[in-house]
Amino acid sequence: MDTQPTPDSPLVPQPQAPADKTSWRLYLELLALTAFVIPLGQILGPMVLWLVKKDTIPEVDFEGKKVLNFNISWTIWGVLSCGLGFIVWIVIAVVAMIKAANREPFKHPLTIDFLK
């Protein structure tokens, strides 16, 4: 019996591949922008996605920890610098988002490893 589709048989849609780790990294980086909507949103936004997906998608666990460590660290730097660190945080966060969108690796600078 031939299992190859014939030209007159209906096409069966292929299942969608799950989003790759770069997509999840981009989502985590973009959620930092919730800081402009709610206080401490740069921490709460990525934390919610990380907590929901960390057990099912290993890449979210790894990237989520990096993004959370970065945002927690720069929140502390921002407070210690009387607000100047927030301007630097915005610049670094935008660069991280662009790198994530372009699927390029990025090491967040001056980040304390709170979550390991």
Protein backbone atom coordinates (compact mmCIF):
# COMPACT_ATOMS: atom_id res chain seq x y z
CA MET A 1 0.00 0.00 0.00
CA ASP A 2 1.34 3.41 -1.01
CA THR A 3 1.35 5.99 1.79
CA GLN A 4 2.53 8.88 -0.38
CA PRO A 5 -0.09 11.63 -0.88
CA THR A 6 -1.60 11.77 -4.33
CA PRO A 7 -2.07 15.03 -6.17
CA ASP A 8 -5.85 14.93 -5.68
CA SER A 9 -5.72 14.09 -1.94
CA PRO A 10 -6.32 16.93 0.53
CA LEU A 11 -3.27 18.46 2.10
CA VAL A 12 -2.92 17.87 5.80
CA PRO A 13 -1.49 20.86 7.67
CA GLN A 14 1.79 20.19 9.37
CA PRO A 15 1.91 20.72 13.14
CA GLN A 16 3.49 23.97 14.22
CA ALA A 17 6.94 23.70 15.72
CA PRO A 18 7.18 25.12 19.23
CA ALA A 19 8.70 28.57 19.54
CA ASP A 20 12.46 28.40 19.73
CA LYS A 21 14.50 29.75 22.62
CA THR A 22 15.20 32.99 20.80
CA SER A 23 11.49 33.78 20.68
CA TRP A 24 11.16 33.14 24.39
CA ARG A 25 14.21 35.29 25.06
CA LEU A 26 12.64 38.10 23.07
CA TYR A 27 9.39 37.76 25.01
CA LEU A 28 11.30 37.91 28.30
CA GLU A 29 13.26 40.97 27.17
CA LEU A 30 10.13 42.75 25.91
CA LEU A 31 8.28 42.12 29.16
CA ALA A 32 10.78 44.41 30.86
CA LEU A 33 8.92 47.27 29.17
CA THR A 34 6.05 46.70 31.60
CA ALA A 35 8.11 48.96 33.88
CA PHE A 36 6.51 51.86 32.03
CA VAL A 37 3.03 50.62 32.98
CA ILE A 38 3.36 49.28 36.53
CA PRO A 39 5.95 49.87 39.25
CA LEU A 40 8.67 47.19 39.22
CA GLY A 41 7.18 45.81 36.01
CA GLN A 42 10.68 45.19 34.67
CA ILE A 43 10.91 42.45 37.30
CA LEU A 44 7.29 41.32 37.55
CA GLY A 45 6.67 40.94 33.79
CA PRO A 46 9.55 38.56 33.05
CA MET A 47 9.03 36.81 36.40
CA VAL A 48 5.46 35.83 35.53
CA LEU A 49 6.50 34.29 32.19
CA TRP A 50 9.49 32.59 33.81
CA LEU A 51 7.39 31.10 36.62
CA VAL A 52 4.75 29.81 34.20
CA LYS A 53 7.11 28.27 31.62
CA LYS A 54 10.33 27.40 33.49
CA ASP A 55 9.33 23.80 34.24
CA THR A 56 8.15 22.99 30.71
CA ILE A 57 10.71 24.81 28.56
CA PRO A 58 14.36 24.62 29.70
CA GLU A 59 15.36 27.61 27.55
CA VAL A 60 12.85 29.82 29.38
CA ASP A 61 14.34 28.73 32.70
CA PHE A 62 17.87 29.60 31.56
CA GLU A 63 17.06 32.87 29.75
CA GLY A 64 14.50 33.92 32.36
CA LYS A 65 17.08 33.77 35.13
CA LYS A 66 19.46 35.91 33.08
CA VAL A 67 16.81 38.53 32.33
CA LEU A 68 15.53 38.59 35.91
CA ASN A 69 19.04 38.91 37.32
CA PHE A 70 19.70 41.78 34.93
CA ASN A 71 16.50 43.64 35.81
CA ILE A 72 16.88 43.14 39.56
CA SER A 73 20.52 44.25 39.42
CA TRP A 74 19.78 47.36 37.42
CA THR A 75 16.85 48.27 39.65
CA ILE A 76 19.32 48.26 42.53
CA TRP A 77 21.89 50.25 40.49
CA GLY A 78 19.16 52.74 39.58
CA VAL A 79 18.21 53.32 43.19
CA LEU A 80 21.83 53.59 44.33
CA SER A 81 22.64 56.09 41.58
CA CYS A 82 19.61 58.28 42.35
CA GLY A 83 17.94 57.40 39.06
CA LEU A 84 20.83 57.66 36.61
CA GLY A 85 21.08 53.86 36.43
CA PHE A 86 17.56 53.72 34.99
CA ILE A 87 18.69 55.61 31.90
CA VAL A 88 21.55 53.16 31.42
CA TRP A 89 19.11 50.27 32.06
CA ILE A 90 16.82 51.50 29.26
CA VAL A 91 19.73 51.64 26.79
CA ILE A 92 21.00 48.18 27.72
CA ALA A 93 17.46 46.73 27.68
CA VAL A 94 16.86 48.07 24.16
CA VAL A 95 20.18 46.62 22.98
CA ALA A 96 19.25 43.27 24.56
CA MET A 97 15.87 43.32 22.77
CA ILE A 98 17.50 44.05 19.43
CA LYS A 99 20.04 41.25 19.97
CA ALA A 100 17.23 38.85 20.92
CA ALA A 101 15.23 39.81 17.83
CA ASN A 102 18.29 39.23 15.64
CA ARG A 103 19.02 35.90 17.38
CA GLU A 104 22.41 37.10 18.60
CA PRO A 105 23.86 36.21 22.00
CA PHE A 106 24.03 38.97 24.58
CA LYS A 107 25.66 39.15 28.00
CA HIS A 108 23.91 41.61 30.27
CA PRO A 109 26.56 43.85 31.88
CA LEU A 110 26.94 44.48 35.63
CA THR A 111 24.50 41.74 36.54
CA ILE A 112 24.46 40.09 39.96
CA ASP A 113 23.49 36.40 39.92
CA PHE A 114 20.58 36.31 42.35
CA LEU A 115 18.97 33.33 40.61
CA LYS A 116 21.31 30.51 39.67
